Amino acid sequence: MDLKGVIEGILFVVGDEGITLDKICEILAITMEDAKKLLKELKTNYEKEDRGIRISYLGDSFKLTTKQEHKEYYERLVENPDNNLLSPSALEVLAIVAYNQPITRIEIDEMRGVSSTHMIRRLVAKGLLKEAGKSTMPGRPNLYKTTSDFLDYFGLATINDLPAIDMTEKESEEESDLFTSIYKEEEKINE
């Protein structure tokens, strides 16, 4: 098995969170020297002119990042008006962050029930979300919050202008439905 391919896949899966050298060694059950050698070979492959990504060492983690020399093209992608429409999943992520900020990607994933890594990257690239430090949770994941561009996009003066969400009404409806269904079951038992 080609372990460089496995490392490449791992770097893709961990996304902007990155992965430490120790964790790579643990996952692949290899020595630190072997892991460094594989990463160096993979990094050399990415440094070729015909490649669009590279391996960066940021903080204490290895991550896949885009090449700086291609930045103008990525900016065009983000700034293109045709690409500025927000999908329902983008709106869902923005709502979760706006009402729960600062929040980690893992917490967003738990609320949505699906991975949000790609969507968070796109929203950060569009300037609607930004990193707001590190969580105190194990692994110290990034915290995300909305930006002033988010406020501008939705015509809000401050984050406090978001509409309030009333959860009590929905909960009481669910409780009454539960009571009604239990009541009907008991009627059937007594018949």
Protein backbone atom coordinates (compact mmCIF):
# COMPACT_ATOMS: atom_id res chain seq x y z
CA MET A 1 0.00 0.00 0.00
CA ASP A 2 1.28 3.47 -0.90
CA LEU A 3 1.41 5.34 2.42
CA LYS A 4 1.89 8.70 0.63
CA GLY A 5 -1.58 8.23 -0.84
CA VAL A 6 -2.95 7.43 2.62
CA ILE A 7 -1.34 10.58 4.07
CA GLU A 8 -2.78 12.63 1.20
CA GLY A 9 -6.24 11.27 1.98
CA ILE A 10 -5.80 11.94 5.69
CA LEU A 11 -4.77 15.55 4.98
CA PHE A 12 -7.86 15.97 2.80
CA VAL A 13 -10.18 14.49 5.45
CA VAL A 14 -8.86 16.60 8.34
CA GLY A 15 -9.28 19.76 6.26
CA ASP A 16 -8.46 23.08 7.89
CA GLU A 17 -8.02 21.46 11.30
CA GLY A 18 -4.78 19.83 10.12
CA ILE A 19 -3.01 16.90 11.72
CA THR A 20 0.11 16.59 13.84
CA LEU A 21 3.10 14.45 12.95
CA ASP A 22 2.50 12.37 16.10
CA LYS A 23 -1.05 11.61 14.99
CA ILE A 24 0.11 10.58 11.51
CA CYS A 25 2.63 8.20 13.12
CA GLU A 26 -0.07 6.79 15.38
CA ILE A 27 -2.61 6.26 12.59
CA LEU A 28 -0.15 4.68 10.14
CA ALA A 29 1.83 2.84 12.88
CA ILE A 30 5.13 4.17 11.51
CA THR A 31 8.17 5.90 12.98
CA MET A 32 8.60 9.65 13.11
CA GLU A 33 11.44 9.42 10.56
CA ASP A 34 9.27 7.44 8.12
CA ALA A 35 6.42 9.92 8.49
CA LYS A 36 8.74 12.87 7.85
CA LYS A 37 10.19 11.15 4.78
CA LEU A 38 6.72 10.43 3.34
CA LEU A 39 5.52 13.98 4.00
CA LYS A 40 8.66 15.41 2.39
CA GLU A 41 8.15 13.26 -0.74
CA LEU A 42 4.49 14.24 -0.95
CA LYS A 43 5.37 17.90 -0.41
CA THR A 44 7.93 17.69 -3.23
CA ASN A 45 5.26 16.26 -5.55
CA TYR A 46 2.96 19.19 -4.74
CA GLU A 47 5.68 21.77 -5.39
CA LYS A 48 5.60 21.01 -9.12
CA GLU A 49 4.26 23.83 -11.26
CA ASP A 50 1.27 21.80 -12.51
CA ARG A 51 -0.12 21.27 -9.00
CA GLY A 52 -2.65 23.58 -7.33
CA ILE A 53 -2.23 22.59 -3.71
CA ARG A 54 0.64 22.18 -1.30
CA ILE A 55 1.33 20.86 2.17
CA SER A 56 1.82 23.58 4.76
CA TYR A 57 2.95 23.31 8.36
CA LEU A 58 0.87 25.82 10.31
CA GLY A 59 0.80 25.91 14.09
CA ASP A 60 1.69 22.36 15.01
CA SER A 61 -0.27 20.72 12.19
CA PHE A 62 0.16 19.72 8.56
CA LYS A 63 -2.58 20.94 6.21
CA LEU A 64 -3.40 20.97 2.52
CA THR A 65 -3.48 24.59 1.33
CA THR A 66 -3.72 26.34 -2.02
CA LYS A 67 -0.67 27.87 -3.65
CA GLN A 68 -0.18 31.58 -3.01
CA GLU A 69 0.70 32.22 -6.66
CA HIS A 70 -2.84 31.15 -7.70
CA LYS A 71 -4.52 33.52 -5.25
CA GLU A 72 -5.95 35.87 -7.93
CA TYR A 73 -7.93 32.99 -9.47
CA TYR A 74 -9.37 31.91 -6.13
CA GLU A 75 -10.40 35.51 -5.45
CA ARG A 76 -12.21 35.65 -8.79
CA LEU A 77 -14.06 32.47 -7.88
CA VAL A 78 -15.22 33.92 -4.57
CA GLU A 79 -15.98 37.39 -5.97
CA ASN A 80 -17.91 36.13 -9.02
CA PRO A 81 -21.54 37.27 -8.57
CA ASP A 82 -22.78 33.97 -10.01
CA ASN A 83 -21.06 32.17 -7.15
CA ASN A 84 -22.35 34.50 -4.43
CA LEU A 85 -25.75 32.88 -4.03
CA LEU A 86 -25.99 31.07 -0.72
CA SER A 87 -27.24 27.51 -0.81
CA PRO A 88 -29.64 26.18 1.83
CA SER A 89 -26.74 24.36 3.52
CA ALA A 90 -24.70 27.59 3.58
CA LEU A 91 -27.63 29.42 5.16
CA GLU A 92 -28.01 26.61 7.70
CA VAL A 93 -24.35 26.83 8.71
CA LEU A 94 -24.54 30.63 8.93
CA ALA A 95 -27.65 30.45 11.13
CA ILE A 96 -26.03 27.92 13.47
CA VAL A 97 -22.90 30.06 13.81
CA ALA A 98 -24.82 33.32 14.16
CA TYR A 99 -26.99 32.03 17.02
CA ASN A 100 -24.26 30.03 18.79
CA GLN A 101 -21.02 31.92 18.18
CA PRO A 102 -18.24 31.32 18.85
CA ILE A 103 -18.65 27.68 17.85
CA THR A 104 -16.42 24.85 16.61
CA ARG A 105 -16.85 22.94 13.36
CA ILE A 106 -17.51 19.79 15.37
CA GLU A 107 -20.40 21.45 17.20
CA ILE A 108 -21.82 22.67 13.88
CA ASP A 109 -21.51 19.12 12.48
CA GLU A 110 -23.38 17.73 15.50
CA MET A 111 -26.25 20.19 15.06
CA ARG A 112 -26.50 19.57 11.31
CA GLY A 113 -25.86 15.84 11.37
CA VAL A 114 -23.43 16.14 8.42
CA SER A 115 -19.88 17.38 7.86
CA SER A 116 -19.60 21.14 7.47
CA THR A 117 -15.88 21.39 6.70
CA HIS A 118 -16.27 22.31 3.04
CA MET A 119 -19.11 24.75 3.69
CA ILE A 120 -17.21 26.51 6.48
CA ARG A 121 -14.20 26.91 4.17
CA ARG A 122 -16.40 28.46 1.49
CA LEU A 123 -18.07 30.82 3.96
CA VAL A 124 -14.67 31.87 5.36
CA ALA A 125 -13.45 32.45 1.77
CA LYS A 126 -16.54 34.58 1.08
CA GLY A 127 -15.79 36.60 4.24
CA LEU A 128 -19.04 35.69 6.01
CA LEU A 129 -17.32 33.63 8.73
CA LYS A 130 -13.94 33.95 10.39
CA GLU A 131 -11.80 32.08 12.88
CA ALA A 132 -12.22 33.51 16.35
CA GLY A 133 -9.52 31.72 18.31
CA LYS A 134 -9.20 28.22 19.69
CA SER A 135 -11.60 26.24 21.86
CA THR A 136 -10.54 24.78 25.20
CA MET A 137 -11.90 21.42 24.05
CA PRO A 138 -9.39 18.58 23.52
CA GLY A 139 -7.44 19.14 20.32
CA ARG A 140 -8.13 22.88 20.60
CA PRO A 141 -10.33 23.16 17.49
CA ASN A 142 -10.90 26.51 15.79
CA LEU A 143 -13.81 28.65 16.90
CA TYR A 144 -15.87 30.40 14.22
CA LYS A 145 -18.03 33.50 14.29
CA THR A 146 -19.75 35.76 11.81
CA THR A 147 -18.10 38.84 10.30
CA SER A 148 -19.15 42.39 9.56
CA ASP A 149 -19.63 41.25 5.94
CA PHE A 150 -22.24 38.79 7.28
CA LEU A 151 -24.07 41.68 8.93
CA ASP A 152 -23.89 43.71 5.70
CA TYR A 153 -25.07 40.78 3.57
CA PHE A 154 -28.20 40.32 5.71
CA GLY A 155 -28.75 44.03 6.41
CA LEU A 156 -28.12 43.82 10.15
CA ALA A 157 -26.56 46.56 12.29
CA THR A 158 -25.44 44.13 14.99
CA ILE A 159 -25.76 40.42 15.68
CA ASN A 160 -28.41 41.34 18.27
CA ASP A 161 -30.71 42.32 15.36
CA LEU A 162 -31.19 38.64 14.48
CA PRO A 163 -34.78 37.53 15.02
CA ALA A 164 -35.36 35.73 18.30
CA ILE A 165 -36.07 32.02 18.10
CA ASP A 166 -38.92 30.92 20.36
CA MET A 167 -38.30 27.26 21.21
CA THR A 168 -40.97 27.03 23.93
CA GLU A 169 -43.92 27.00 21.50
CA LYS A 170 -42.47 24.15 19.46
CA GLU A 171 -41.62 22.16 22.59
CA SER A 172 -45.14 22.55 23.98
CA GLU A 173 -46.64 21.33 20.68
CA GLU A 174 -44.41 18.25 20.79
CA GLU A 175 -45.38 17.66 24.43
CA SER A 176 -49.10 17.90 23.64
CA ASP A 177 -48.68 15.49 20.70
CA LEU A 178 -46.88 13.08 23.01
CA PHE A 179 -49.65 13.38 25.60
CA THR A 180 -52.33 12.83 22.96
CA SER A 181 -50.64 9.75 21.54
CA ILE A 182 -50.10 8.23 24.99
CA TYR A 183 -53.72 8.96 25.89
CA LYS A 184 -54.94 7.19 22.75
CA GLU A 185 -52.76 4.15 23.50
CA GLU A 186 -54.19 3.88 27.00
CA GLU A 187 -57.72 4.03 25.58
CA LYS A 188 -56.94 1.08 23.33
CA ILE A 189 -55.52 -0.88 26.24
CA ASN A 190 -58.63 -0.26 28.37
CA GLU A 191 -61.04 -1.35 25.59
